[in-house]
Protein backbone atom coordinates (compact mmCIF):
# COMPACT_ATOMS: atom_id res chain seq x y z
CA UNK A 1 -0.02 0.26 -0.11
CA UNK A 2 0.98 3.77 -0.43
CA UNK A 3 2.29 5.12 3.00
CA UNK A 4 2.52 8.79 1.64
CA UNK A 5 -0.76 9.00 0.26
CA UNK A 6 -2.88 7.64 3.69
CA UNK A 7 -0.28 10.18 5.60
CA UNK A 8 -2.01 13.05 3.49
CA UNK A 9 -5.42 11.78 3.77
CA UNK A 10 -4.73 10.46 7.59
CA UNK A 11 -6.01 7.07 7.13
CA UNK A 12 -3.88 4.62 9.03
CA UNK A 13 -4.21 0.54 9.69
CA UNK A 14 -5.85 1.85 13.14
CA UNK A 15 -8.00 4.60 11.27
CA UNK A 16 -9.58 3.29 8.29
CA UNK A 17 -11.69 5.46 5.75
CA UNK A 18 -15.48 4.22 6.78
CA UNK A 19 -19.24 4.68 6.03
CA UNK A 20 -18.15 6.61 2.54
CA UNK A 21 -17.36 6.67 -1.30
CA UNK A 22 -14.42 7.52 -2.39
CA UNK A 23 -14.18 8.13 -5.82
CA UNK A 24 -11.21 7.70 -8.05
CA UNK A 25 -11.20 9.37 -11.30
CA UNK A 26 -8.54 9.70 -13.99
CA UNK A 27 -8.00 12.16 -17.35
CA UNK A 28 -5.52 11.16 -20.10
CA UNK A 29 -3.98 8.50 -17.71
CA UNK A 30 -4.47 4.90 -16.30
CA UNK A 31 -5.13 5.40 -12.18
CA UNK A 32 -6.70 2.00 -11.37
CA UNK A 33 -2.96 1.67 -9.65
CA UNK A 34 -5.12 3.60 -6.59
CA UNK A 35 -7.49 0.32 -6.65
CA UNK A 36 -4.38 -1.80 -5.92
CA UNK A 37 -3.51 0.16 -2.68
CA UNK A 38 -6.98 0.01 -1.22
CA UNK A 39 -6.93 -3.60 -2.20
CA UNK A 40 -3.98 -4.03 -0.11
CA UNK A 41 -5.00 -1.68 2.56
CA UNK A 42 -8.02 -3.15 3.47
CA UNK A 43 -7.11 -6.79 3.58
CA UNK A 44 -3.52 -5.79 5.43
CA UNK A 45 -5.97 -4.15 7.84
CA UNK A 46 -7.76 -7.17 8.58
CA UNK A 47 -11.11 -5.94 6.99
CA UNK A 48 -13.49 -8.44 4.86
CA UNK A 49 -13.37 -6.97 1.11
CA UNK A 50 -15.51 -7.09 -2.49
CA UNK A 51 -13.96 -7.11 -5.21
CA UNK A 52 -16.15 -6.19 -8.65
CA UNK A 53 -13.92 -6.61 -11.44
CA UNK A 54 -14.62 -6.03 -15.43
CA UNK A 55 -11.84 -3.71 -16.49
CA UNK A 56 -9.10 -6.44 -15.20
CA UNK A 57 -9.01 -9.90 -14.39
CA UNK A 58 -8.54 -11.21 -10.88
CA UNK A 59 -5.50 -12.46 -11.65
CA UNK A 60 -4.34 -8.91 -12.68
CA UNK A 61 -5.04 -7.98 -8.99
CA UNK A 62 -3.14 -10.47 -7.80
CA UNK A 63 -0.29 -10.00 -9.67
CA UNK A 64 -0.54 -6.24 -8.67
CA UNK A 65 -1.35 -6.80 -5.20
CA UNK A 66 1.32 -9.48 -4.44
CA UNK A 67 4.01 -6.49 -5.28
CA UNK A 68 2.43 -4.27 -2.07
CA UNK A 69 2.53 -7.28 -0.20
CA UNK A 70 -0.91 -9.31 -0.21
CA UNK A 71 -2.10 -12.23 -1.21
CA UNK A 72 -5.59 -12.03 -3.00
CA UNK A 73 -5.33 -15.97 -3.60
CA UNK A 74 -5.26 -16.35 -0.12
CA UNK A 75 -7.06 -14.29 1.37
CA UNK A 76 -9.86 -15.67 -1.16
CA UNK A 77 -9.55 -18.43 0.14
CA UNK A 78 -9.74 -17.50 3.98
CA UNK A 79 -12.95 -15.70 3.36
CA UNK A 80 -11.37 -11.84 3.68
CA UNK A 81 -11.89 -11.67 -0.19
CA UNK A 82 -14.86 -12.03 -2.52
CA UNK A 83 -13.89 -11.32 -5.88
CA UNK A 84 -16.96 -11.28 -8.76
CA UNK A 85 -15.67 -11.68 -11.83
CA UNK A 86 -18.80 -9.44 -13.66
CA UNK A 87 -18.31 -9.80 -17.21
CA UNK A 88 -17.57 -13.50 -17.61
CA UNK A 89 -21.09 -14.00 -15.03
CA UNK A 90 -23.10 -11.50 -17.65
CA UNK A 91 -21.60 -12.74 -20.75
CA UNK A 92 -22.22 -16.51 -19.86
CA UNK A 93 -26.23 -15.29 -19.67
CA UNK A 94 -25.52 -13.87 -22.92
CA UNK A 95 -24.80 -17.00 -24.55
CA UNK A 96 -27.02 -18.80 -22.65
CA UNK A 97 -29.99 -15.90 -23.94
CA UNK A 98 -32.00 -15.48 -20.66
CA UNK A 99 -31.77 -14.25 -17.24
CA UNK A 100 -34.86 -15.05 -16.13
CA UNK A 101 -35.51 -17.22 -12.78
CA UNK A 102 -32.38 -16.30 -11.99
CA UNK A 103 -31.71 -16.30 -7.98
CA UNK A 104 -29.63 -14.44 -5.75
CA UNK A 105 -28.03 -17.51 -4.56
CA UNK A 106 -26.08 -17.83 -8.26
CA UNK A 107 -23.73 -15.06 -9.07
CA UNK A 108 -25.52 -15.72 -12.29
CA UNK A 109 -27.84 -12.57 -10.94
CA UNK A 110 -24.93 -10.19 -12.30
CA UNK A 111 -26.16 -10.22 -15.08
CA UNK A 112 -26.62 -6.57 -16.47
CA UNK A 113 -26.83 -7.10 -20.25
CA UNK A 114 -30.64 -8.26 -20.13
CA UNK A 115 -33.84 -6.88 -19.12
CA UNK A 116 -34.22 -3.38 -17.72
CA UNK A 117 -30.00 -3.14 -17.08
CA UNK A 118 -30.87 -1.20 -14.21
CA UNK A 119 -27.55 -3.13 -12.50
CA UNK A 120 -30.15 -3.61 -9.55
CA UNK A 121 -28.73 -7.45 -9.48
CA UNK A 122 -25.22 -6.35 -8.94
CA UNK A 123 -26.54 -3.96 -6.06
CA UNK A 124 -28.31 -7.15 -4.48
CA UNK A 125 -25.59 -9.05 -4.68
CA UNK A 126 -23.26 -6.70 -2.98
CA UNK A 127 -25.56 -6.21 -0.57
CA UNK A 128 -25.56 -9.96 0.60
CA UNK A 129 -21.70 -10.01 0.70
CA UNK A 130 -21.59 -7.32 2.96
CA UNK A 131 -24.28 -7.71 5.96
CA UNK A 132 -23.69 -8.52 8.78
CA UNK A 133 -19.68 -7.32 8.66
CA UNK A 134 -17.69 -4.35 9.61
CA UNK A 135 -15.61 -1.83 8.08
CA UNK A 136 -15.62 -3.32 4.52
CA UNK A 137 -14.77 -2.54 1.48
CA UNK A 138 -16.16 -2.48 -1.63
CA UNK A 139 -14.56 -1.77 -5.17
CA UNK A 140 -16.02 -1.51 -8.23
CA UNK A 141 -12.95 -1.44 -10.86
CA UNK A 142 -14.49 0.51 -13.68
CA UNK A 143 -17.92 2.46 -13.14
CA UNK A 144 -17.72 3.58 -16.28
CA UNK A 145 -17.44 0.49 -18.10
CA UNK A 146 -20.92 0.21 -17.66
CA UNK A 147 -22.03 2.92 -19.94
CA UNK A 148 -20.85 0.96 -22.87
CA UNK A 149 -22.56 -1.92 -21.62
CA UNK A 150 -26.07 -0.96 -22.56
CA UNK A 151 -26.91 0.94 -18.66
CA UNK A 152 -28.17 3.87 -19.05
CA UNK A 153 -26.41 6.91 -16.83
CA UNK A 154 -29.90 7.64 -15.18
CA UNK A 155 -29.79 4.10 -13.88
CA UNK A 156 -26.13 4.36 -12.97
CA UNK A 157 -26.31 7.43 -10.77
CA UNK A 158 -29.35 5.26 -8.98
CA UNK A 159 -27.06 2.49 -8.35
CA UNK A 160 -24.42 5.45 -7.53
CA UNK A 161 -27.13 6.46 -4.92
CA UNK A 162 -28.03 2.95 -3.74
CA UNK A 163 -24.45 2.30 -3.13
CA UNK A 164 -24.13 5.40 -1.01
CA UNK A 165 -26.78 4.43 0.97
CA UNK A 166 -25.40 1.08 1.55
CA UNK A 167 -22.33 2.45 2.62
CA UNK A 168 -23.96 4.35 5.43
CA UNK A 169 -26.53 1.60 6.86
CA UNK A 170 -23.89 -0.76 6.84
CA UNK A 171 -21.01 1.11 7.94
CA UNK A 172 -18.75 0.07 4.71
CA UNK A 173 -16.49 1.75 2.32
CA UNK A 174 -17.78 1.80 -1.49
CA UNK A 175 -14.45 2.53 -4.11
CA UNK A 176 -14.71 2.86 -7.37
CA UNK A 177 -12.93 4.25 -10.64
CA UNK A 178 -14.58 6.70 -13.09
CA UNK A 179 -12.36 7.61 -16.61
CA UNK A 180 -13.71 11.52 -17.21
CA UNK A 181 -12.07 10.63 -20.81
CA UNK A 182 -15.90 9.65 -21.02
CA UNK A 183 -18.19 11.76 -22.98
CA UNK A 184 -21.13 11.35 -21.16
CA UNK A 185 -24.98 11.70 -22.97
CA UNK A 186 -25.62 15.78 -22.24
CA UNK A 187 -29.48 15.20 -22.03
CA UNK A 188 -29.48 13.31 -18.50
CA UNK A 189 -27.57 14.01 -15.54
CA UNK A 190 -23.61 13.27 -15.83
CA UNK A 191 -22.54 9.98 -13.76
CA UNK A 192 -19.20 12.11 -12.75
CA UNK A 193 -21.33 14.51 -11.41
CA UNK A 194 -23.21 12.14 -9.44
CA UNK A 195 -20.12 10.49 -7.87
CA UNK A 196 -18.71 13.48 -7.01
CA UNK A 197 -21.98 14.72 -4.74
CA UNK A 198 -21.83 11.38 -2.57
CA UNK A 199 -18.36 10.74 -2.59
CA UNK A 200 -16.67 12.25 0.33
CA UNK A 201 -13.13 12.01 -1.13
CA UNK A 202 -11.91 11.84 -4.52
CA UNK A 203 -8.28 11.53 -5.55
CA UNK A 204 -8.11 12.76 -9.12
CA UNK A 205 -5.15 11.46 -11.75
CA UNK A 206 -4.46 13.32 -14.58
CA UNK A 207 -1.21 13.41 -16.95
CA UNK A 208 1.31 15.80 -17.02
CA UNK A 209 0.13 18.72 -19.86
CA UNK A 210 3.90 18.95 -21.03
CA UNK A 211 3.85 15.57 -21.65
CA UNK A 212 5.55 12.06 -20.81
CA UNK A 213 7.92 12.20 -18.12
CA UNK A 214 10.48 9.62 -16.80
CA UNK A 215 10.39 11.91 -13.21
CA UNK A 216 7.44 12.35 -12.43
CA UNK A 217 4.21 10.61 -13.99
CA UNK A 218 1.28 12.61 -13.08
CA UNK A 219 -0.92 15.25 -10.73
CA UNK A 220 -2.54 14.00 -8.37
CA UNK A 221 -5.36 15.99 -6.17
CA UNK A 222 -6.81 15.05 -3.11
CA UNK A 223 -10.57 16.40 -2.42
CA UNK A 224 -11.82 16.00 0.93
CA UNK A 225 -15.91 16.91 1.23
CA UNK A 226 -15.92 15.96 4.80
CA UNK A 227 -14.67 16.55 7.97
CA UNK A 228 -16.10 15.00 11.37
CA UNK A 229 -19.55 13.96 9.68
CA UNK A 230 -20.51 17.38 8.14
CA UNK A 231 -20.06 18.20 4.71
CA UNK A 232 -17.66 20.85 4.16
CA UNK A 233 -15.21 21.44 1.22
CA UNK A 234 -11.75 21.22 1.75
CA UNK A 235 -9.10 22.96 0.63
CA UNK A 236 -7.68 20.71 -2.53
CA UNK A 237 -4.22 19.01 -1.91
CA UNK A 238 -2.19 19.43 -4.82
CA UNK A 239 0.78 16.95 -6.20
CA UNK A 240 3.05 15.78 -8.56
CA UNK A 241 3.44 11.71 -8.30
CA UNK A 242 6.20 9.01 -9.22
CA UNK A 243 4.81 5.38 -9.62
CA UNK A 244 6.70 2.14 -9.11
CA UNK A 245 5.82 -1.65 -9.18
CA UNK A 246 6.07 -1.39 -5.08
CA UNK A 247 5.47 2.43 -4.07
CA UNK A 248 3.92 5.67 -4.73
CA UNK A 249 6.16 9.09 -4.65
CA UNK A 250 4.33 12.60 -4.03
CA UNK A 251 5.96 15.56 -4.13
CA UNK A 252 5.00 18.96 -4.05
CA UNK A 253 4.86 20.74 -7.30
CA UNK A 254 8.18 22.47 -8.52
CA UNK A 255 10.28 20.19 -6.32
CA UNK A 256 11.22 16.90 -8.40
CA UNK A 257 14.69 16.33 -9.75
CA UNK A 258 13.57 16.83 -12.63
CA UNK A 259 12.95 20.61 -12.17
CA UNK A 260 15.79 21.53 -9.46
């Protein structure tokens, strides 16, 4: 996990962000490395984690987290991690040609390519996974992917709202990634703005406007919208970052060795 990011945000293994939604957003770069951080962070804190992945395979996440000192395969076997492969479950139903008469006892209810495309089945599964747990983490690895699979912006906004309610009622945390490059339908409310509305934290990652640099990989901005249970906007913390296989180095803008 990335200690520098935890220190700046005020998080630790004994002080996890709970009862909150954390939005990861990116622009002209890939911020999925932060998903690896939260996976390792919560598992090291002995919290239950639910990983609903559609953008990458479980093997990808297992390899990435192994560099951060966490074995996802072992965590899954021990019951600390529930991994839901959304695309495999949905494509299975696509091949079979029906999603009727599915029960919540089967991962087949993860299907979102049929019917009303409202993601209600996915929400029910995630809700069931965190029942009777404390300080659990739910990760949805790419919320924008659903928009390309037939889910409307309106239904995605409803899903985000219900996930926020689930976090508050079950004392869990919801982390998801939104690609700002996605061009929304301007006739409907923007899912990105909806995610921002419910998120207590947003970690925004952007590529450098000046282009590629081997010393600085981009700009990371931490936006905090909650202090002691009262939603208030705090000053943004803007930093340059440098990413390696096992660490994330955060630098004050202009202090990299490349510009000194």
